[in-house]
Amino acid sequence: MLYNENGKLGRFSAIGLGCWNFGGQWNKVTEEDAIQIIRYAIDNGINYVDVAESYGIPDGECEILLGKALQDGYRDKVFIISKVGWYGRRTEDHFYANPSIYDKILRKIFNRLNHYKSVDLEKRTPELIRLCGHACCGRLQTSYIDLLLCHDGKAKDIKEFVSGFEILKKEGFIKNYGISTDRLDILKEFYERSNGVCAAVECDYSLLNTKAEDGIFKFCQEKKIAIFTRGTLARGLLSGKYNSSTIFKEPSRLVWNEGGKNRSTYLRYIKKIDKIKELIGNEKLTEVSYRYAFSQPEHPSVIVGCTSLDQLKQNIDIASHYLSPELIEQLRNNL
């Protein structure tokens, strides 16, 4: 396993384990298998895991599974990344509710009778962020989280997130905080609002989306902000399994089908992938895609998901060496 220094946060394995697949939201993984995968990853050199309060069905399920896996001494062996800000978005309830007029009237009457202030649960407040951080620790069965991220990449409530994170840090429930975003302007605003305390960013980055190289990566290098990347296989496209005739049934990818609003983007990606295959061959597409990401000069820490122990073992093998500068240049010339 390769390891690299990442910003001010320390030394991380080239790949980390993304836990979003363990909560039944996209694929079904049994609790027993999830725990086995997580512990195998830690035992074999992976030293950070990525999760969020909104991952899984119901929300929080992935954190609960991870918390169980990190018992028996595993918590002390791994760096935990979690995220807050979108609890209940998928189910349209809880902290991101859209109450009916009837509910709003009842709430106002109750609050007035009981001399309570009316609370707008659609707005992120420092206290709400604080409570979400406490809940994450509870589900993860840990007294603290190493890195807590703002999960809204277009956040209008940056000030509130930062204030909530500062409270959690002072209370000892988080060690560091940052933001998950693909926008350089949002990262800069978050960094400035935090007075330079922002320790990390998590952003989308792959052979099909190298935008971060010219913006986010450079800014992070300048400010010593740790870089974690997601989406390395571009939602599966860089697995080499799909072509222009593929019909998708998974809800989040229906937009790629004929008549879908992102059909033209999908076809453009397929053309790029075909060019890459001509250069390296289809059988090496996944391997090269992962290595391209962590072989950049900034050496971002690449978050990788899996649904089986065999997949995990393959990913660990991939993280044994970098791509050559010559192949990286050839790939860039073909993108």
C-alpha atoms as a PDB file:
ATOM      1  CA  MET A   1       0.000   0.000   0.000  1.00  0.00           C
ATOM      2  CA  LEU A   2       1.251   3.456  -0.936  1.00  0.00           C
ATOM      3  CA  TYR A   3       1.048   6.296   1.605  1.00  0.00           C
ATOM      4  CA  ASN A   4       1.257  10.057   1.125  1.00  0.00           C
ATOM      5  CA  GLU A   5       1.241  13.203   3.234  1.00  0.00           C
ATOM      6  CA  ASN A   6      -2.037  15.047   2.724  1.00  0.00           C
ATOM      7  CA  GLY A   7      -2.268  18.694   3.720  1.00  0.00           C
ATOM      8  CA  LYS A   8      -2.033  19.258   7.447  1.00  0.00           C
ATOM      9  CA  LEU A   9      -3.867  16.066   8.383  1.00  0.00           C
ATOM     10  CA  GLY A  10      -1.020  13.589   8.126  1.00  0.00           C
ATOM     11  CA  ARG A  11      -0.177  10.443   6.204  1.00  0.00           C
ATOM     12  CA  PHE A  12      -2.912   8.529   4.387  1.00  0.00           C
ATOM     13  CA  SER A  13      -3.109   5.362   2.325  1.00  0.00           C
ATOM     14  CA  ALA A  14      -3.439   5.989  -1.421  1.00  0.00           C
ATOM     15  CA  ILE A  15      -7.002   4.679  -1.269  1.00  0.00           C
ATOM     16  CA  GLY A  16      -9.593   4.810   1.491  1.00  0.00           C
ATOM     17  CA  LEU A  17     -12.807   2.872   1.961  1.00  0.00           C
ATOM     18  CA  GLY A  18     -16.084   4.544   0.969  1.00  0.00           C
ATOM     19  CA  CYS A  19     -18.937   3.065   3.027  1.00  0.00           C
ATOM     20  CA  TRP A  20     -21.943   4.349   1.078  1.00  0.00           C
ATOM     21  CA  ASN A  21     -22.561   0.932  -0.536  1.00  0.00           C
ATOM     22  CA  PHE A  22     -23.183  -0.776   2.792  1.00  0.00           C
ATOM     23  CA  GLY A  23     -26.563   0.747   3.667  1.00  0.00           C
ATOM     24  CA  GLY A  24     -28.805  -0.747   0.977  1.00  0.00           C
ATOM     25  CA  GLN A  25     -29.207   2.524  -0.903  1.00  0.00           C
ATOM     26  CA  TRP A  26     -27.593   1.235  -4.116  1.00  0.00           C
ATOM     27  CA  ASN A  27     -26.547  -2.372  -3.508  1.00  0.00           C
ATOM     28  CA  LYS A  28     -27.385  -4.869  -0.819  1.00  0.00           C
ATOM     29  CA  VAL A  29     -24.501  -5.893   1.415  1.00  0.00           C
ATOM     30  CA  THR A  30     -25.237  -7.911   4.534  1.00  0.00           C
ATOM     31  CA  GLU A  31     -24.142  -6.573   7.900  1.00  0.00           C
ATOM     32  CA  GLU A  32     -21.768  -9.515   8.295  1.00  0.00           C
ATOM     33  CA  ASP A  33     -20.150  -8.885   4.896  1.00  0.00           C
ATOM     34  CA  ALA A  34     -19.889  -5.133   5.507  1.00  0.00           C
ATOM     35  CA  ILE A  35     -18.093  -5.660   8.812  1.00  0.00           C
ATOM     36  CA  GLN A  36     -15.760  -8.208   7.211  1.00  0.00           C
ATOM     37  CA  ILE A  37     -14.921  -5.805   4.360  1.00  0.00           C
ATOM     38  CA  ILE A  38     -14.275  -2.857   6.684  1.00  0.00           C
ATOM     39  CA  ARG A  39     -12.051  -4.826   9.025  1.00  0.00           C
ATOM     40  CA  TYR A  40     -10.129  -6.470   6.163  1.00  0.00           C
ATOM     41  CA  ALA A  41      -9.478  -3.015   4.691  1.00  0.00           C
ATOM     42  CA  ILE A  42      -8.042  -1.746   7.981  1.00  0.00           C
ATOM     43  CA  ASP A  43      -6.023  -4.904   8.574  1.00  0.00           C
ATOM     44  CA  ASN A  44      -4.478  -4.553   5.101  1.00  0.00           C
ATOM     45  CA  GLY A  45      -3.279  -0.971   5.132  1.00  0.00           C
ATOM     46  CA  ILE A  46      -6.283   1.293   4.502  1.00  0.00           C
ATOM     47  CA  ASN A  47      -6.228   3.932   7.234  1.00  0.00           C
ATOM     48  CA  TYR A  48      -9.301   6.082   6.536  1.00  0.00           C
ATOM     49  CA  VAL A  49     -13.010   5.472   5.940  1.00  0.00           C
ATOM     50  CA  ASP A  50     -15.641   7.793   4.475  1.00  0.00           C
ATOM     51  CA  VAL A  51     -19.319   7.908   5.414  1.00  0.00           C
ATOM     52  CA  ALA A  52     -22.147  10.439   5.940  1.00  0.00           C
ATOM     53  CA  GLU A  53     -25.213  10.880   8.099  1.00  0.00           C
ATOM     54  CA  SER A  54     -27.460  10.557   5.024  1.00  0.00           C
ATOM     55  CA  TYR A  55     -25.942   7.325   3.644  1.00  0.00           C
ATOM     56  CA  GLY A  56     -28.134   4.246   3.784  1.00  0.00           C
ATOM     57  CA  ILE A  57     -31.780   3.329   4.118  1.00  0.00           C
ATOM     58  CA  PRO A  58     -32.886   4.617   6.546  1.00  0.00           C
ATOM     59  CA  ASP A  59     -30.576   7.631   6.848  1.00  0.00           C
ATOM     60  CA  GLY A  60     -27.665   6.866   9.135  1.00  0.00           C
ATOM     61  CA  GLU A  61     -27.601   3.137   8.395  1.00  0.00           C
ATOM     62  CA  CYS A  62     -24.053   3.260   6.985  1.00  0.00           C
ATOM     63  CA  GLU A  63     -22.733   5.040  10.067  1.00  0.00           C
ATOM     64  CA  ILE A  64     -24.389   2.405  12.272  1.00  0.00           C
ATOM     65  CA  LEU A  65     -22.753  -0.432  10.299  1.00  0.00           C
ATOM     66  CA  LEU A  66     -19.384   1.300  10.386  1.00  0.00           C
ATOM     67  CA  GLY A  67     -19.736   1.862  14.130  1.00  0.00           C
ATOM     68  CA  LYS A  68     -20.286  -1.860  14.662  1.00  0.00           C
ATOM     69  CA  ALA A  69     -17.286  -2.737  12.481  1.00  0.00           C
ATOM     70  CA  LEU A  70     -15.020  -0.390  14.445  1.00  0.00           C
ATOM     71  CA  GLN A  71     -15.547  -2.157  17.759  1.00  0.00           C
ATOM     72  CA  ASP A  72     -12.920  -4.526  19.223  1.00  0.00           C
ATOM     73  CA  GLY A  73     -10.112  -1.990  18.863  1.00  0.00           C
ATOM     74  CA  TYR A  74     -10.604  -1.059  15.207  1.00  0.00           C
ATOM     75  CA  ARG A  75     -11.677   2.517  15.973  1.00  0.00           C
ATOM     76  CA  ASP A  76      -8.167   3.433  17.106  1.00  0.00           C
ATOM     77  CA  LYS A  77      -6.666   2.160  13.843  1.00  0.00           C
ATOM     78  CA  VAL A  78      -8.577   4.344  11.399  1.00  0.00           C
ATOM     79  CA  PHE A  79      -9.323   7.985  10.526  1.00  0.00           C
ATOM     80  CA  ILE A  80     -13.094   8.610  10.235  1.00  0.00           C
ATOM     81  CA  ILE A  81     -14.569  11.086   7.746  1.00  0.00           C
ATOM     82  CA  SER A  82     -18.280  11.835   7.985  1.00  0.00           C
ATOM     83  CA  LYS A  83     -20.557  14.565   6.632  1.00  0.00           C
ATOM     84  CA  VAL A  84     -23.615  16.492   7.779  1.00  0.00           C
ATOM     85  CA  GLY A  85     -26.164  18.804   6.223  1.00  0.00           C
ATOM     86  CA  TRP A  86     -28.524  16.560   4.236  1.00  0.00           C
ATOM     87  CA  TYR A  87     -30.150  14.297   6.810  1.00  0.00           C
ATOM     88  CA  GLY A  88     -33.640  13.440   5.552  1.00  0.00           C
ATOM     89  CA  ARG A  89     -33.178  14.893   2.046  1.00  0.00           C
ATOM     90  CA  ARG A  90     -34.027  11.618   0.306  1.00  0.00           C
ATOM     91  CA  THR A  91     -37.100  10.922   2.444  1.00  0.00           C
ATOM     92  CA  GLU A  92     -38.069  14.596   2.714  1.00  0.00           C
ATOM     93  CA  ASP A  93     -38.504  14.518   6.460  1.00  0.00           C
ATOM     94  CA  HIS A  94     -36.565  15.048   9.706  1.00  0.00           C
ATOM     95  CA  PHE A  95     -34.140  17.966   9.633  1.00  0.00           C
ATOM     96  CA  TYR A  96     -34.847  18.931   6.041  1.00  0.00           C
ATOM     97  CA  ALA A  97     -38.598  18.873   6.245  1.00  0.00           C
ATOM     98  CA  ASN A  98     -41.086  20.598   3.972  1.00  0.00           C
ATOM     99  CA  PRO A  99     -44.108  20.723   6.286  1.00  0.00           C
ATOM    100  CA  SER A 100     -47.652  21.209   5.053  1.00  0.00           C
ATOM    101  CA  ILE A 101     -49.584  24.394   5.857  1.00  0.00           C
ATOM    102  CA  TYR A 102     -51.556  22.349   8.387  1.00  0.00           C
ATOM    103  CA  ASP A 103     -48.346  21.260  10.154  1.00  0.00           C
ATOM    104  CA  LYS A 104     -46.994  24.821  10.144  1.00  0.00           C
ATOM    105  CA  ILE A 105     -50.198  26.174  11.747  1.00  0.00           C
ATOM    106  CA  LEU A 106     -50.181  23.467  14.422  1.00  0.00           C
ATOM    107  CA  ARG A 107     -46.518  24.122  15.176  1.00  0.00           C
ATOM    108  CA  LYS A 108     -47.080  27.878  15.514  1.00  0.00           C
ATOM    109  CA  ILE A 109     -50.038  27.335  17.850  1.00  0.00           C
ATOM    110  CA  PHE A 110     -48.058  24.864  19.962  1.00  0.00           C
ATOM    111  CA  ASN A 111     -45.052  27.150  20.143  1.00  0.00           C
ATOM    112  CA  ARG A 112     -47.131  30.167  21.084  1.00  0.00           C
ATOM    113  CA  LEU A 113     -49.019  28.290  23.793  1.00  0.00           C
ATOM    114  CA  ASN A 114     -45.809  26.889  25.207  1.00  0.00           C
ATOM    115  CA  HIS A 115     -43.808  30.109  24.796  1.00  0.00           C
ATOM    116  CA  TYR A 116     -41.337  28.425  22.425  1.00  0.00           C
ATOM    117  CA  LYS A 117     -39.686  30.080  19.482  1.00  0.00           C
ATOM    118  CA  SER A 118     -40.719  28.828  16.062  1.00  0.00           C
ATOM    119  CA  VAL A 119     -37.877  26.772  14.564  1.00  0.00           C
ATOM    120  CA  ASP A 120     -37.315  26.638  10.808  1.00  0.00           C
ATOM    121  CA  LEU A 121     -35.974  23.139  10.188  1.00  0.00           C
ATOM    122  CA  GLU A 122     -35.249  23.971   6.557  1.00  0.00           C
ATOM    123  CA  LYS A 123     -32.455  26.316   7.600  1.00  0.00           C
ATOM    124  CA  ARG A 124     -29.142  24.982   8.856  1.00  0.00           C
ATOM    125  CA  THR A 125     -28.296  26.643  12.165  1.00  0.00           C
ATOM    126  CA  PRO A 126     -25.143  26.170  14.271  1.00  0.00           C
ATOM    127  CA  GLU A 127     -27.212  24.322  16.875  1.00  0.00           C
ATOM    128  CA  LEU A 128     -28.654  21.974  14.242  1.00  0.00           C
ATOM    129  CA  ILE A 129     -25.173  21.234  12.882  1.00  0.00           C
ATOM    130  CA  ARG A 130     -23.979  20.637  16.446  1.00  0.00           C
ATOM    131  CA  LEU A 131     -26.774  18.156  17.126  1.00  0.00           C
ATOM    132  CA  CYS A 132     -26.086  16.375  13.837  1.00  0.00           C
ATOM    133  CA  GLY A 133     -22.446  15.979  14.875  1.00  0.00           C
ATOM    134  CA  HIS A 134     -23.513  14.480  18.199  1.00  0.00           C
ATOM    135  CA  ALA A 135     -25.829  12.066  16.352  1.00  0.00           C
ATOM    136  CA  CYS A 136     -23.007  10.986  14.021  1.00  0.00           C
ATOM    137  CA  CYS A 137     -20.821  10.153  17.017  1.00  0.00           C
ATOM    138  CA  GLY A 138     -23.676   8.154  18.519  1.00  0.00           C
ATOM    139  CA  ARG A 139     -24.303   6.098  15.391  1.00  0.00           C
ATOM    140  CA  LEU A 140     -20.565   5.536  14.918  1.00  0.00           C
ATOM    141  CA  GLN A 141     -20.155   4.581  18.610  1.00  0.00           C
ATOM    142  CA  THR A 142     -17.174   6.901  18.953  1.00  0.00           C
ATOM    143  CA  SER A 143     -16.400   9.814  21.238  1.00  0.00           C
ATOM    144  CA  TYR A 144     -15.054  11.881  18.329  1.00  0.00           C
ATOM    145  CA  ILE A 145     -14.890  12.094  14.522  1.00  0.00           C
ATOM    146  CA  ASP A 146     -11.538  12.866  12.916  1.00  0.00           C
ATOM    147  CA  LEU A 147     -12.951  14.951  10.060  1.00  0.00           C
ATOM    148  CA  LEU A 148     -16.500  16.262   9.681  1.00  0.00           C
ATOM    149  CA  LEU A 149     -17.482  17.810   6.349  1.00  0.00           C
ATOM    150  CA  CYS A 150     -20.228  20.130   5.178  1.00  0.00           C
ATOM    151  CA  HIS A 151     -22.160  17.858   2.802  1.00  0.00           C
ATOM    152  CA  ASP A 152     -23.691  20.677   0.765  1.00  0.00           C
ATOM    153  CA  GLY A 153     -21.406  21.615  -2.124  1.00  0.00           C
ATOM    154  CA  LYS A 154     -23.453  24.730  -2.924  1.00  0.00           C
ATOM    155  CA  ALA A 155     -24.134  25.749   0.662  1.00  0.00           C
ATOM    156  CA  LYS A 156     -25.854  29.061   1.320  1.00  0.00           C
ATOM    157  CA  ASP A 157     -25.412  28.523   5.047  1.00  0.00           C
ATOM    158  CA  ILE A 158     -21.608  28.357   5.145  1.00  0.00           C
ATOM    159  CA  LYS A 159     -21.391  30.662   8.162  1.00  0.00           C
ATOM    160  CA  GLU A 160     -23.778  28.430  10.099  1.00  0.00           C
ATOM    161  CA  PHE A 161     -21.846  25.271   9.201  1.00  0.00           C
ATOM    162  CA  VAL A 162     -18.559  26.821  10.318  1.00  0.00           C
ATOM    163  CA  SER A 163     -20.083  28.056  13.582  1.00  0.00           C
ATOM    164  CA  GLY A 164     -21.569  24.626  14.300  1.00  0.00           C
ATOM    165  CA  PHE A 165     -18.288  22.896  13.503  1.00  0.00           C
ATOM    166  CA  GLU A 166     -16.380  25.266  15.786  1.00  0.00           C
ATOM    167  CA  ILE A 167     -18.729  24.377  18.650  1.00  0.00           C
ATOM    168  CA  LEU A 168     -18.256  20.647  17.991  1.00  0.00           C
ATOM    169  CA  LYS A 169     -14.499  21.103  17.872  1.00  0.00           C
ATOM    170  CA  LYS A 170     -14.499  23.018  21.156  1.00  0.00           C
ATOM    171  CA  GLU A 171     -16.652  20.302  22.749  1.00  0.00           C
ATOM    172  CA  GLY A 172     -14.193  17.652  21.535  1.00  0.00           C
ATOM    173  CA  PHE A 173     -16.602  15.761  19.282  1.00  0.00           C
ATOM    174  CA  ILE A 174     -14.624  16.510  16.096  1.00  0.00           C
ATOM    175  CA  LYS A 175     -10.903  17.003  15.509  1.00  0.00           C
ATOM    176  CA  ASN A 176     -11.043  18.742  12.109  1.00  0.00           C
ATOM    177  CA  TYR A 177     -13.626  20.040   9.654  1.00  0.00           C
ATOM    178  CA  GLY A 178     -13.966  20.939   5.978  1.00  0.00           C
ATOM    179  CA  ILE A 179     -16.354  20.731   3.046  1.00  0.00           C
ATOM    180  CA  SER A 180     -17.416  18.367   0.280  1.00  0.00           C
ATOM    181  CA  THR A 181     -17.739  20.474  -2.881  1.00  0.00           C
ATOM    182  CA  ASP A 182     -16.743  20.580  -6.534  1.00  0.00           C
ATOM    183  CA  ARG A 183     -16.743  24.386  -6.683  1.00  0.00           C
ATOM    184  CA  LEU A 184     -13.581  26.371  -6.056  1.00  0.00           C
ATOM    185  CA  ASP A 185     -15.521  29.519  -5.129  1.00  0.00           C
ATOM    186  CA  ILE A 186     -17.447  27.647  -2.413  1.00  0.00           C
ATOM    187  CA  LEU A 187     -14.225  26.124  -1.051  1.00  0.00           C
ATOM    188  CA  LYS A 188     -12.580  29.550  -0.927  1.00  0.00           C
ATOM    189  CA  GLU A 189     -15.550  31.076   0.881  1.00  0.00           C
ATOM    190  CA  PHE A 190     -15.619  28.206   3.357  1.00  0.00           C
ATOM    191  CA  TYR A 191     -11.879  28.569   3.965  1.00  0.00           C
ATOM    192  CA  GLU A 192     -12.198  32.310   4.521  1.00  0.00           C
ATOM    193  CA  ARG A 193     -15.237  31.948   6.809  1.00  0.00           C
ATOM    194  CA  SER A 194     -13.256  29.469   8.899  1.00  0.00           C
ATOM    195  CA  ASN A 195     -10.281  31.863   9.148  1.00  0.00           C
ATOM    196  CA  GLY A 196      -8.091  29.218   7.553  1.00  0.00           C
ATOM    197  CA  VAL A 197      -9.150  26.417   9.904  1.00  0.00           C
ATOM    198  CA  CYS A 198     -10.767  24.434   7.047  1.00  0.00           C
ATOM    199  CA  ALA A 199      -8.603  21.298   6.971  1.00  0.00           C
ATOM    200  CA  ALA A 200      -9.919  19.335   3.988  1.00  0.00           C
ATOM    201  CA  VAL A 201     -12.039  19.192   0.875  1.00  0.00           C
ATOM    202  CA  GLU A 202     -13.703  16.200  -0.751  1.00  0.00           C
ATOM    203  CA  CYS A 203     -14.342  16.611  -4.471  1.00  0.00           C
ATOM    204  CA  ASP A 204     -15.322  14.694  -7.585  1.00  0.00           C
ATOM    205  CA  TYR A 205     -12.305  13.669  -9.630  1.00  0.00           C
ATOM    206  CA  SER A 206     -11.754  11.097 -12.357  1.00  0.00           C
ATOM    207  CA  LEU A 207     -10.370  10.561 -15.848  1.00  0.00           C
ATOM    208  CA  LEU A 208     -13.688  11.948 -17.113  1.00  0.00           C
ATOM    209  CA  ASN A 209     -13.685  14.955 -14.787  1.00  0.00           C
ATOM    210  CA  THR A 210     -10.259  16.520 -14.247  1.00  0.00           C
ATOM    211  CA  LYS A 211     -11.573  20.013 -13.510  1.00  0.00           C
ATOM    212  CA  ALA A 212     -10.230  19.906  -9.944  1.00  0.00           C
ATOM    213  CA  GLU A 213      -6.630  19.789 -11.220  1.00  0.00           C
ATOM    214  CA  ASP A 214      -6.625  23.418 -12.333  1.00  0.00           C
ATOM    215  CA  GLY A 215      -8.627  24.879  -9.472  1.00  0.00           C
ATOM    216  CA  ILE A 216      -9.206  22.997  -6.245  1.00  0.00           C
ATOM    217  CA  PHE A 217      -5.913  21.069  -6.283  1.00  0.00           C
ATOM    218  CA  LYS A 218      -3.810  24.215  -6.711  1.00  0.00           C
ATOM    219  CA  PHE A 219      -5.679  26.116  -4.018  1.00  0.00           C
ATOM    220  CA  CYS A 220      -5.333  23.215  -1.594  1.00  0.00           C
ATOM    221  CA  GLN A 221      -1.613  22.951  -2.239  1.00  0.00           C
ATOM    222  CA  GLU A 222      -1.217  26.641  -1.531  1.00  0.00           C
ATOM    223  CA  LYS A 223      -3.242  26.511   1.716  1.00  0.00           C
ATOM    224  CA  LYS A 224      -2.138  23.015   2.821  1.00  0.00           C
ATOM    225  CA  ILE A 225      -5.701  21.734   2.694  1.00  0.00           C
ATOM    226  CA  ALA A 226      -6.009  17.938   2.537  1.00  0.00           C
ATOM    227  CA  ILE A 227      -7.602  16.585  -0.668  1.00  0.00           C
ATOM    228  CA  PHE A 228      -9.941  13.589  -0.698  1.00  0.00           C
ATOM    229  CA  THR A 229     -11.533  12.560  -3.979  1.00  0.00           C
ATOM    230  CA  ARG A 230     -14.676  10.606  -4.856  1.00  0.00           C
ATOM    231  CA  GLY A 231     -16.301   9.441  -8.073  1.00  0.00           C
ATOM    232  CA  THR A 232     -13.104   7.851  -9.411  1.00  0.00           C
ATOM    233  CA  LEU A 233     -15.036   5.483 -11.685  1.00  0.00           C
ATOM    234  CA  ALA A 234     -17.546   8.188 -12.708  1.00  0.00           C
ATOM    235  CA  ARG A 235     -20.545   6.309 -11.303  1.00  0.00           C
ATOM    236  CA  GLY A 236     -19.353   3.088 -12.880  1.00  0.00           C
ATOM    237  CA  LEU A 237     -18.646   4.337 -16.388  1.00  0.00           C
ATOM    238  CA  LEU A 238     -14.906   3.720 -16.010  1.00  0.00           C
ATOM    239  CA  SER A 239     -15.542   0.097 -15.113  1.00  0.00           C
ATOM    240  CA  GLY A 240     -15.777  -0.542 -18.864  1.00  0.00           C
ATOM    241  CA  LYS A 241     -19.160  -2.267 -18.586  1.00  0.00           C
ATOM    242  CA  TYR A 242     -21.226   0.242 -20.561  1.00  0.00           C
ATOM    243  CA  ASN A 243     -21.583   1.474 -24.131  1.00  0.00           C
ATOM    244  CA  SER A 244     -23.877   3.689 -26.211  1.00  0.00           C
ATOM    245  CA  SER A 245     -26.537   0.940 -26.309  1.00  0.00           C
ATOM    246  CA  THR A 246     -26.750   0.430 -22.541  1.00  0.00           C
ATOM    247  CA  ILE A 247     -30.162   0.997 -20.954  1.00  0.00           C
ATOM    248  CA  PHE A 248     -29.947   2.035 -17.306  1.00  0.00           C
ATOM    249  CA  LYS A 249     -32.544   1.067 -14.706  1.00  0.00           C
ATOM    250  CA  GLU A 250     -30.922   2.509 -11.598  1.00  0.00           C
ATOM    251  CA  PRO A 251     -32.863   5.751 -10.777  1.00  0.00           C
ATOM    252  CA  SER A 252     -29.913   8.139 -10.545  1.00  0.00           C
ATOM    253  CA  ARG A 253     -28.660   7.113 -14.008  1.00  0.00           C
ATOM    254  CA  LEU A 254     -31.924   7.213 -15.951  1.00  0.00           C
ATOM    255  CA  VAL A 255     -30.873  10.645 -17.234  1.00  0.00           C
ATOM    256  CA  TRP A 256     -28.257   8.862 -19.386  1.00  0.00           C
ATOM    257  CA  ASN A 257     -30.827   6.852 -21.337  1.00  0.00           C
ATOM    258  CA  GLU A 258     -32.200   7.805 -24.747  1.00  0.00           C
ATOM    259  CA  GLY A 259     -34.302  10.934 -24.224  1.00  0.00           C
ATOM    260  CA  GLY A 260     -32.739  11.655 -20.831  1.00  0.00           C
ATOM    261  CA  LYS A 261     -31.560  15.179 -20.034  1.00  0.00           C
ATOM    262  CA  ASN A 262     -27.905  14.084 -19.722  1.00  0.00           C
ATOM    263  CA  ARG A 263     -27.858  11.801 -22.767  1.00  0.00           C
ATOM    264  CA  SER A 264     -25.428  13.999 -24.707  1.00  0.00           C
ATOM    265  CA  THR A 265     -23.017  14.075 -21.747  1.00  0.00           C
ATOM    266  CA  TYR A 266     -23.185  10.297 -21.486  1.00  0.00           C
ATOM    267  CA  LEU A 267     -22.389   9.810 -25.180  1.00  0.00           C
ATOM    268  CA  ARG A 268     -19.473  12.238 -24.864  1.00  0.00           C
ATOM    269  CA  TYR A 269     -18.121  10.214 -21.946  1.00  0.00           C
ATOM    270  CA  ILE A 270     -18.468   6.956 -23.887  1.00  0.00           C
ATOM    271  CA  LYS A 271     -16.392   8.423 -26.726  1.00  0.00           C
ATOM    272  CA  LYS A 272     -13.677   9.429 -24.252  1.00  0.00           C
ATOM    273  CA  ILE A 273     -13.717   5.986 -22.680  1.00  0.00           C
ATOM    274  CA  ASP A 274     -13.389   4.308 -26.090  1.00  0.00           C
ATOM    275  CA  LYS A 275     -10.269   6.399 -26.755  1.00  0.00           C
ATOM    276  CA  ILE A 276      -8.803   5.412 -23.399  1.00  0.00           C
ATOM    277  CA  LYS A 277      -9.535   1.740 -24.115  1.00  0.00           C
ATOM    278  CA  GLU A 278      -7.653   2.001 -27.398  1.00  0.00           C
ATOM    279  CA  LEU A 279      -4.635   3.201 -25.443  1.00  0.00           C
ATOM    280  CA  ILE A 280      -4.621   0.810 -22.468  1.00  0.00           C
ATOM    281  CA  GLY A 281      -7.170  -1.941 -23.198  1.00  0.00           C
ATOM    282  CA  ASN A 282     -10.557  -2.534 -21.580  1.00  0.00           C
ATOM    283  CA  GLU A 283      -9.217  -4.968 -18.966  1.00  0.00           C
ATOM    284  CA  LYS A 284      -7.011  -2.268 -17.391  1.00  0.00           C
ATOM    285  CA  LEU A 285      -9.559   0.542 -17.406  1.00  0.00           C
ATOM    286  CA  THR A 286     -10.529   0.353 -13.708  1.00  0.00           C
ATOM    287  CA  GLU A 287      -6.943  -0.146 -12.554  1.00  0.00           C
ATOM    288  CA  VAL A 288      -5.648   2.800 -14.573  1.00  0.00           C
ATOM    289  CA  SER A 289      -8.558   5.016 -13.523  1.00  0.00           C
ATOM    290  CA  TYR A 290      -7.770   4.555  -9.836  1.00  0.00           C
ATOM    291  CA  ARG A 291      -4.023   4.945 -10.323  1.00  0.00           C
ATOM    292  CA  TYR A 292      -4.455   8.078 -12.425  1.00  0.00           C
ATOM    293  CA  ALA A 293      -6.249   9.719  -9.489  1.00  0.00           C
ATOM    294  CA  PHE A 294      -3.720   9.024  -6.721  1.00  0.00           C
ATOM    295  CA  SER A 295      -0.669   9.416  -8.982  1.00  0.00           C
ATOM    296  CA  GLN A 296      -1.098  13.165  -9.447  1.00  0.00           C
ATOM    297  CA  PRO A 297       1.639  15.437  -8.010  1.00  0.00           C
ATOM    298  CA  GLU A 298      -0.704  16.446  -5.160  1.00  0.00           C
ATOM    299  CA  HIS A 299      -1.342  12.758  -4.324  1.00  0.00           C
ATOM    300  CA  PRO A 300      -4.993  13.148  -3.311  1.00  0.00           C
ATOM    301  CA  SER A 301      -6.383  10.439  -1.046  1.00  0.00           C
ATOM    302  CA  VAL A 302      -8.828   8.491  -3.226  1.00  0.00           C
ATOM    303  CA  ILE A 303     -12.056   7.179  -1.675  1.00  0.00           C
ATOM    304  CA  VAL A 304     -13.020   3.843  -3.238  1.00  0.00           C
ATOM    305  CA  GLY A 305     -16.233   1.887  -2.771  1.00  0.00           C
ATOM    306  CA  CYS A 306     -16.793  -1.856  -3.021  1.00  0.00           C
ATOM    307  CA  THR A 307     -19.506  -4.434  -2.356  1.00  0.00           C
ATOM    308  CA  SER A 308     -17.416  -7.569  -1.929  1.00  0.00           C
ATOM    309  CA  LEU A 309     -14.188  -8.749  -0.366  1.00  0.00           C
ATOM    310  CA  ASP A 310     -12.829  -9.704  -3.799  1.00  0.00           C
ATOM    311  CA  GLN A 311     -13.368  -6.147  -5.073  1.00  0.00           C
ATOM    312  CA  LEU A 312     -11.596  -4.772  -2.018  1.00  0.00           C
ATOM    313  CA  LYS A 313      -8.611  -7.070  -2.513  1.00  0.00           C
ATOM    314  CA  GLN A 314      -8.304  -5.962  -6.148  1.00  0.00           C
ATOM    315  CA  ASN A 315      -8.435  -2.308  -5.083  1.00  0.00           C
ATOM    316  CA  ILE A 316      -5.713  -2.847  -2.468  1.00  0.00           C
ATOM    317  CA  ASP A 317      -3.519  -4.486  -5.116  1.00  0.00           C
ATOM    318  CA  ILE A 318      -4.094  -1.490  -7.423  1.00  0.00           C
ATOM    319  CA  ALA A 319      -2.809   0.849  -4.679  1.00  0.00           C
ATOM    320  CA  SER A 320       0.621  -0.811  -4.744  1.00  0.00           C
ATOM    321  CA  HIS A 321       2.247   1.549  -7.247  1.00  0.00           C
ATOM    322  CA  TYR A 322       1.771   4.741  -9.266  1.00  0.00           C
ATOM    323  CA  LEU A 323       1.195   5.261 -12.960  1.00  0.00           C
ATOM    324  CA  SER A 324       4.239   6.392 -14.896  1.00  0.00           C
ATOM    325  CA  PRO A 325       4.404  10.101 -15.817  1.00  0.00           C
ATOM    326  CA  GLU A 326       4.561   9.022 -19.476  1.00  0.00           C
ATOM    327  CA  LEU A 327       1.243   7.155 -19.299  1.00  0.00           C
ATOM    328  CA  ILE A 328      -0.386  10.015 -17.399  1.00  0.00           C
ATOM    329  CA  GLU A 329       0.638  12.366 -20.191  1.00  0.00           C
ATOM    330  CA  GLN A 330      -0.672   9.979 -22.851  1.00  0.00           C
ATOM    331  CA  LEU A 331      -4.003   9.739 -21.047  1.00  0.00           C
ATOM    332  CA  ARG A 332      -4.288  13.529 -20.808  1.00  0.00           C
ATOM    333  CA  ASN A 333      -3.644  13.826 -24.527  1.00  0.00           C
ATOM    334  CA  ASN A 334      -6.526  11.429 -25.174  1.00  0.00           C
ATOM    335  CA  LEU A 335      -9.083  13.173 -22.933  1.00  0.00           C
END
